[in-house]
């Protein structure tokens, strides 16, 4: 019986050895040759560094939209930055620039704006992602049709409220600092400085 156990042990070891060598899939193949080197790109020259711009106010954003080809009674400008939170909390100032106007920009909404040969009222409706402008002729008491080329640009300024200042506080500070918010240039000059609200 002892010889039988020894024989079984050798047979078992032999079977394990056979299974071990049968499972191997051979030697790894040699690494293939490298592909050809790609063509080198043209080396460009480094551009010159621009001058640093003037530091601005981090909580003020301004946008300009081309209205030179607009015509109609109503204009809806897509403004993705106008979220419900911005509408509820921040100051939104709008200005229109008429083509050939002596005044570079006038604030909107506004009454009795002289555009071409008519006095018009301009109403504004602000909804999320949209700034809408409606034109109304005062003299004829009817909607006013703006012709292509009468308007040049729509300019928007968004002044972000902070935990220290509300919409009303911001407008009050602008006025107390002598800023005429109906004047686009005066407003932008003031806001381009590091004034905080």
C-alpha atoms as a PDB file:
ATOM      1  CA  UNK A   1       0.000   0.000   0.000  1.00  0.00           C
ATOM      2  CA  UNK A   2       2.909   2.269   0.756  1.00  0.00           C
ATOM      3  CA  UNK A   3       4.272   1.810  -2.727  1.00  0.00           C
ATOM      4  CA  UNK A   4       0.861   2.520  -4.094  1.00  0.00           C
ATOM      5  CA  UNK A   5       0.731   5.882  -2.238  1.00  0.00           C
ATOM      6  CA  UNK A   6       4.183   6.801  -3.482  1.00  0.00           C
ATOM      7  CA  UNK A   7       3.187   5.902  -7.057  1.00  0.00           C
ATOM      8  CA  UNK A   8      -0.010   7.987  -6.788  1.00  0.00           C
ATOM      9  CA  UNK A   9       2.020  10.895  -5.433  1.00  0.00           C
ATOM     10  CA  UNK A  10       4.418  10.741  -8.422  1.00  0.00           C
ATOM     11  CA  UNK A  11       1.531  10.411 -10.867  1.00  0.00           C
ATOM     12  CA  UNK A  12      -0.193  13.408  -9.245  1.00  0.00           C
ATOM     13  CA  UNK A  13       2.980  15.535  -9.425  1.00  0.00           C
ATOM     14  CA  UNK A  14       3.501  14.462 -13.055  1.00  0.00           C
ATOM     15  CA  UNK A  15      -0.079  15.426 -13.969  1.00  0.00           C
ATOM     16  CA  UNK A  16       0.275  18.870 -12.340  1.00  0.00           C
ATOM     17  CA  UNK A  17       3.558  19.414 -14.205  1.00  0.00           C
ATOM     18  CA  UNK A  18       1.963  18.378 -17.518  1.00  0.00           C
ATOM     19  CA  UNK A  19      -1.032  20.685 -16.960  1.00  0.00           C
ATOM     20  CA  UNK A  20       1.253  23.571 -16.087  1.00  0.00           C
ATOM     21  CA  UNK A  21       3.250  23.255 -19.315  1.00  0.00           C
ATOM     22  CA  UNK A  22       0.148  22.640 -21.430  1.00  0.00           C
ATOM     23  CA  UNK A  23      -1.431  25.926 -20.299  1.00  0.00           C
ATOM     24  CA  UNK A  24       1.493  28.114 -21.347  1.00  0.00           C
ATOM     25  CA  UNK A  25       1.085  29.681 -24.789  1.00  0.00           C
ATOM     26  CA  UNK A  26       4.736  29.752 -25.746  1.00  0.00           C
ATOM     27  CA  UNK A  27       7.384  32.415 -25.879  1.00  0.00           C
ATOM     28  CA  UNK A  28       6.522  36.076 -26.474  1.00  0.00           C
ATOM     29  CA  UNK A  29       7.206  37.209 -30.013  1.00  0.00           C
ATOM     30  CA  UNK A  30       9.852  39.779 -30.800  1.00  0.00           C
ATOM     31  CA  UNK A  31       8.854  43.474 -30.870  1.00  0.00           C
ATOM     32  CA  UNK A  32       8.154  44.625 -34.414  1.00  0.00           C
ATOM     33  CA  UNK A  33      10.087  47.408 -36.121  1.00  0.00           C
ATOM     34  CA  UNK A  34       9.131  51.040 -35.358  1.00  0.00           C
ATOM     35  CA  UNK A  35       7.057  52.867 -37.958  1.00  0.00           C
ATOM     36  CA  UNK A  36       8.515  55.697 -40.022  1.00  0.00           C
ATOM     37  CA  UNK A  37       8.901  59.096 -38.315  1.00  0.00           C
ATOM     38  CA  UNK A  38       6.115  61.547 -39.193  1.00  0.00           C
ATOM     39  CA  UNK A  39       6.793  64.800 -40.987  1.00  0.00           C
ATOM     40  CA  UNK A  40       7.877  67.655 -38.712  1.00  0.00           C
ATOM     41  CA  UNK A  41       5.497  70.632 -38.638  1.00  0.00           C
ATOM     42  CA  UNK A  42       6.532  74.141 -39.580  1.00  0.00           C
ATOM     43  CA  UNK A  43       7.922  76.042 -36.623  1.00  0.00           C
ATOM     44  CA  UNK A  44       6.036  79.279 -36.121  1.00  0.00           C
ATOM     45  CA  UNK A  45       7.401  82.415 -34.549  1.00  0.00           C
ATOM     46  CA  UNK A  46       6.335  83.405 -31.077  1.00  0.00           C
ATOM     47  CA  UNK A  47       3.899  86.280 -31.035  1.00  0.00           C
ATOM     48  CA  UNK A  48       4.619  89.430 -29.117  1.00  0.00           C
ATOM     49  CA  UNK A  49       3.011  89.835 -25.740  1.00  0.00           C
ATOM     50  CA  UNK A  50       0.266  92.406 -25.627  1.00  0.00           C
ATOM     51  CA  UNK A  51       0.142  95.110 -23.020  1.00  0.00           C
ATOM     52  CA  UNK A  52      -1.852  94.405 -19.898  1.00  0.00           C
ATOM     53  CA  UNK A  53      -5.296  95.927 -19.954  1.00  0.00           C
ATOM     54  CA  UNK A  54      -6.636  98.161 -17.258  1.00  0.00           C
ATOM     55  CA  UNK A  55      -8.005  96.272 -14.286  1.00  0.00           C
ATOM     56  CA  UNK A  56     -11.758  96.337 -14.313  1.00  0.00           C
ATOM     57  CA  UNK A  57     -14.518  95.561 -11.920  1.00  0.00           C
ATOM     58  CA  UNK A  58     -14.997  91.820 -11.475  1.00  0.00           C
ATOM     59  CA  UNK A  59     -18.708  92.102 -10.830  1.00  0.00           C
ATOM     60  CA  UNK A  60     -19.530  94.047 -14.023  1.00  0.00           C
ATOM     61  CA  UNK A  61     -20.138  92.505 -17.447  1.00  0.00           C
ATOM     62  CA  UNK A  62     -20.915  94.410 -20.638  1.00  0.00           C
ATOM     63  CA  UNK A  63     -22.246  93.122 -23.949  1.00  0.00           C
ATOM     64  CA  UNK A  64     -22.649  94.717 -27.386  1.00  0.00           C
ATOM     65  CA  UNK A  65     -24.997  93.347 -30.053  1.00  0.00           C
ATOM     66  CA  UNK A  66     -25.131  94.435 -33.706  1.00  0.00           C
ATOM     67  CA  UNK A  67     -28.572  95.754 -34.691  1.00  0.00           C
ATOM     68  CA  UNK A  68     -27.561  97.278 -38.048  1.00  0.00           C
ATOM     69  CA  UNK A  69     -29.637  94.780 -40.045  1.00  0.00           C
ATOM     70  CA  UNK A  70     -32.615  94.741 -37.655  1.00  0.00           C
ATOM     71  CA  UNK A  71     -35.979  95.967 -38.899  1.00  0.00           C
ATOM     72  CA  UNK A  72     -39.398  95.570 -37.341  1.00  0.00           C
ATOM     73  CA  UNK A  73     -41.692  96.494 -34.455  1.00  0.00           C
ATOM     74  CA  UNK A  74     -40.081  94.246 -31.871  1.00  0.00           C
ATOM     75  CA  UNK A  75     -36.591  92.871 -31.288  1.00  0.00           C
ATOM     76  CA  UNK A  76     -35.745  89.880 -29.119  1.00  0.00           C
ATOM     77  CA  UNK A  77     -32.033  89.582 -28.334  1.00  0.00           C
ATOM     78  CA  UNK A  78     -30.764  86.243 -27.046  1.00  0.00           C
ATOM     79  CA  UNK A  79     -28.658  86.875 -23.927  1.00  0.00           C
ATOM     80  CA  UNK A  80     -27.730  83.569 -22.227  1.00  0.00           C
ATOM     81  CA  UNK A  81     -26.256  85.472 -19.269  1.00  0.00           C
ATOM     82  CA  UNK A  82     -29.733  86.706 -18.276  1.00  0.00           C
ATOM     83  CA  UNK A  83     -30.680  84.007 -15.810  1.00  0.00           C
ATOM     84  CA  UNK A  84     -33.605  84.303 -13.403  1.00  0.00           C
ATOM     85  CA  UNK A  85     -31.094  84.951 -10.608  1.00  0.00           C
ATOM     86  CA  UNK A  86     -29.520  87.829 -12.583  1.00  0.00           C
ATOM     87  CA  UNK A  87     -32.964  89.295 -13.345  1.00  0.00           C
ATOM     88  CA  UNK A  88     -34.031  89.083  -9.688  1.00  0.00           C
ATOM     89  CA  UNK A  89     -30.844  90.380  -8.081  1.00  0.00           C
ATOM     90  CA  UNK A  90     -28.530  92.284 -10.436  1.00  0.00           C
ATOM     91  CA  UNK A  91     -28.691  95.707 -12.098  1.00  0.00           C
ATOM     92  CA  UNK A  92     -29.318  95.449 -15.851  1.00  0.00           C
ATOM     93  CA  UNK A  93     -28.775  98.639 -17.849  1.00  0.00           C
ATOM     94  CA  UNK A  94     -29.660  98.816 -21.544  1.00  0.00           C
ATOM     95  CA  UNK A  95     -28.660 101.331 -24.210  1.00  0.00           C
ATOM     96  CA  UNK A  96     -29.408 101.695 -27.921  1.00  0.00           C
ATOM     97  CA  UNK A  97     -27.112 103.381 -30.382  1.00  0.00           C
ATOM     98  CA  UNK A  98     -28.894 104.926 -33.350  1.00  0.00           C
ATOM     99  CA  UNK A  99     -27.075 105.181 -36.659  1.00  0.00           C
ATOM    100  CA  UNK A 100     -25.685 108.678 -37.192  1.00  0.00           C
ATOM    101  CA  UNK A 101     -26.981 109.895 -33.827  1.00  0.00           C
ATOM    102  CA  UNK A 102     -25.221 112.812 -32.131  1.00  0.00           C
ATOM    103  CA  UNK A 103     -25.790 111.068 -28.807  1.00  0.00           C
ATOM    104  CA  UNK A 104     -23.652 107.909 -28.942  1.00  0.00           C
ATOM    105  CA  UNK A 105     -26.178 105.843 -26.980  1.00  0.00           C
ATOM    106  CA  UNK A 106     -29.457 106.445 -25.211  1.00  0.00           C
ATOM    107  CA  UNK A 107     -30.800 104.461 -22.272  1.00  0.00           C
ATOM    108  CA  UNK A 108     -33.719 102.074 -22.627  1.00  0.00           C
ATOM    109  CA  UNK A 109     -36.513 101.872 -21.678  1.00  0.00           C
ATOM    110  CA  UNK A 110     -37.103 105.480 -22.666  1.00  0.00           C
ATOM    111  CA  UNK A 111     -39.792 107.945 -23.753  1.00  0.00           C
ATOM    112  CA  UNK A 112     -39.823 110.418 -26.618  1.00  0.00           C
ATOM    113  CA  UNK A 113     -36.661 109.319 -28.374  1.00  0.00           C
ATOM    114  CA  UNK A 114     -36.289 111.011 -31.743  1.00  0.00           C
ATOM    115  CA  UNK A 115     -35.511 108.310 -34.286  1.00  0.00           C
ATOM    116  CA  UNK A 116     -35.455 109.422 -37.945  1.00  0.00           C
ATOM    117  CA  UNK A 117     -38.606 111.550 -38.255  1.00  0.00           C
ATOM    118  CA  UNK A 118     -40.633 110.232 -35.321  1.00  0.00           C
ATOM    119  CA  UNK A 119     -40.742 110.448 -31.562  1.00  0.00           C
ATOM    120  CA  UNK A 120     -40.941 106.943 -30.167  1.00  0.00           C
ATOM    121  CA  UNK A 121     -41.210 105.226 -26.830  1.00  0.00           C
ATOM    122  CA  UNK A 122     -39.077 102.166 -26.262  1.00  0.00           C
ATOM    123  CA  UNK A 123     -40.236  99.494 -23.857  1.00  0.00           C
ATOM    124  CA  UNK A 124     -38.072  96.664 -22.547  1.00  0.00           C
ATOM    125  CA  UNK A 125     -39.073  93.190 -21.397  1.00  0.00           C
ATOM    126  CA  UNK A 126     -36.457  91.039 -19.695  1.00  0.00           C
ATOM    127  CA  UNK A 127     -36.982  87.297 -19.418  1.00  0.00           C
ATOM    128  CA  UNK A 128     -34.473  84.501 -18.825  1.00  0.00           C
ATOM    129  CA  UNK A 129     -32.002  84.414 -21.754  1.00  0.00           C
ATOM    130  CA  UNK A 130     -33.832  87.214 -23.595  1.00  0.00           C
ATOM    131  CA  UNK A 131     -33.780  91.032 -23.743  1.00  0.00           C
ATOM    132  CA  UNK A 132     -36.786  92.230 -25.743  1.00  0.00           C
ATOM    133  CA  UNK A 133     -37.361  95.718 -27.146  1.00  0.00           C
ATOM    134  CA  UNK A 134     -40.725  97.097 -28.282  1.00  0.00           C
ATOM    135  CA  UNK A 135     -41.051 100.324 -30.337  1.00  0.00           C
ATOM    136  CA  UNK A 136     -44.101 102.622 -30.072  1.00  0.00           C
ATOM    137  CA  UNK A 137     -44.731 105.855 -32.017  1.00  0.00           C
ATOM    138  CA  UNK A 138     -45.966 108.658 -29.769  1.00  0.00           C
ATOM    139  CA  UNK A 139     -47.449 110.907 -32.496  1.00  0.00           C
ATOM    140  CA  UNK A 140     -49.647 108.263 -34.131  1.00  0.00           C
ATOM    141  CA  UNK A 141     -50.319 106.267 -30.968  1.00  0.00           C
ATOM    142  CA  UNK A 142     -49.291 103.020 -32.702  1.00  0.00           C
ATOM    143  CA  UNK A 143     -46.472 100.502 -32.984  1.00  0.00           C
ATOM    144  CA  UNK A 144     -43.381 101.884 -34.727  1.00  0.00           C
ATOM    145  CA  UNK A 145     -41.635  99.960 -37.484  1.00  0.00           C
ATOM    146  CA  UNK A 146     -37.858 100.455 -37.288  1.00  0.00           C
ATOM    147  CA  UNK A 147     -36.209 100.339 -40.709  1.00  0.00           C
ATOM    148  CA  UNK A 148     -32.990  98.447 -41.359  1.00  0.00           C
ATOM    149  CA  UNK A 149     -29.988 100.641 -40.644  1.00  0.00           C
ATOM    150  CA  UNK A 150     -31.737 103.009 -38.185  1.00  0.00           C
ATOM    151  CA  UNK A 151     -30.200 101.274 -35.176  1.00  0.00           C
ATOM    152  CA  UNK A 152     -26.555 100.358 -34.831  1.00  0.00           C
ATOM    153  CA  UNK A 153     -26.082  98.556 -31.500  1.00  0.00           C
ATOM    154  CA  UNK A 154     -27.727  97.285 -28.349  1.00  0.00           C
ATOM    155  CA  UNK A 155     -25.445  97.580 -25.326  1.00  0.00           C
ATOM    156  CA  UNK A 156     -26.123  95.870 -22.016  1.00  0.00           C
ATOM    157  CA  UNK A 157     -24.378  96.253 -18.686  1.00  0.00           C
ATOM    158  CA  UNK A 158     -24.968  93.746 -15.897  1.00  0.00           C
ATOM    159  CA  UNK A 159     -23.757  94.786 -12.451  1.00  0.00           C
ATOM    160  CA  UNK A 160     -23.737  91.817 -10.114  1.00  0.00           C
ATOM    161  CA  UNK A 161     -25.200  92.311  -6.668  1.00  0.00           C
ATOM    162  CA  UNK A 162     -23.100  91.013  -3.796  1.00  0.00           C
ATOM    163  CA  UNK A 163     -23.903  89.888  -0.286  1.00  0.00           C
ATOM    164  CA  UNK A 164     -23.135  93.511   0.737  1.00  0.00           C
ATOM    165  CA  UNK A 165     -25.248  95.268  -1.895  1.00  0.00           C
ATOM    166  CA  UNK A 166     -28.642  94.827  -3.469  1.00  0.00           C
ATOM    167  CA  UNK A 167     -29.869  96.102  -6.824  1.00  0.00           C
ATOM    168  CA  UNK A 168     -31.194  99.242  -5.135  1.00  0.00           C
ATOM    169  CA  UNK A 169     -27.913  99.803  -3.214  1.00  0.00           C
ATOM    170  CA  UNK A 170     -25.897  99.655  -6.449  1.00  0.00           C
ATOM    171  CA  UNK A 171     -28.071 102.225  -8.241  1.00  0.00           C
ATOM    172  CA  UNK A 172     -27.995 104.473  -5.140  1.00  0.00           C
ATOM    173  CA  UNK A 173     -24.185 104.267  -4.974  1.00  0.00           C
ATOM    174  CA  UNK A 174     -23.855 105.108  -8.669  1.00  0.00           C
ATOM    175  CA  UNK A 175     -26.079 108.163  -8.235  1.00  0.00           C
ATOM    176  CA  UNK A 176     -24.379 109.281  -4.988  1.00  0.00           C
ATOM    177  CA  UNK A 177     -20.996 109.025  -6.752  1.00  0.00           C
ATOM    178  CA  UNK A 178     -22.329 111.392  -9.428  1.00  0.00           C
ATOM    179  CA  UNK A 179     -22.698 108.809 -12.204  1.00  0.00           C
ATOM    180  CA  UNK A 180     -25.417 109.562 -14.754  1.00  0.00           C
ATOM    181  CA  UNK A 181     -26.572 106.016 -15.516  1.00  0.00           C
ATOM    182  CA  UNK A 182     -28.515 107.320 -18.518  1.00  0.00           C
ATOM    183  CA  UNK A 183     -25.136 108.096 -20.124  1.00  0.00           C
ATOM    184  CA  UNK A 184     -23.457 104.921 -21.402  1.00  0.00           C
ATOM    185  CA  UNK A 185     -19.941 106.399 -21.601  1.00  0.00           C
ATOM    186  CA  UNK A 186     -20.079 107.943 -18.119  1.00  0.00           C
ATOM    187  CA  UNK A 187     -21.377 104.685 -16.673  1.00  0.00           C
ATOM    188  CA  UNK A 188     -18.692 102.592 -18.385  1.00  0.00           C
ATOM    189  CA  UNK A 189     -15.923 105.029 -17.378  1.00  0.00           C
ATOM    190  CA  UNK A 190     -16.988 104.763 -13.750  1.00  0.00           C
ATOM    191  CA  UNK A 191     -17.392 100.974 -13.854  1.00  0.00           C
ATOM    192  CA  UNK A 192     -14.036 100.417 -15.576  1.00  0.00           C
ATOM    193  CA  UNK A 193     -12.324 101.686 -12.449  1.00  0.00           C
ATOM    194  CA  UNK A 194     -12.004  99.393  -9.465  1.00  0.00           C
ATOM    195  CA  UNK A 195     -15.229 100.500  -7.808  1.00  0.00           C
ATOM    196  CA  UNK A 196     -16.890  97.829  -5.727  1.00  0.00           C
ATOM    197  CA  UNK A 197     -20.441  97.600  -4.542  1.00  0.00           C
END
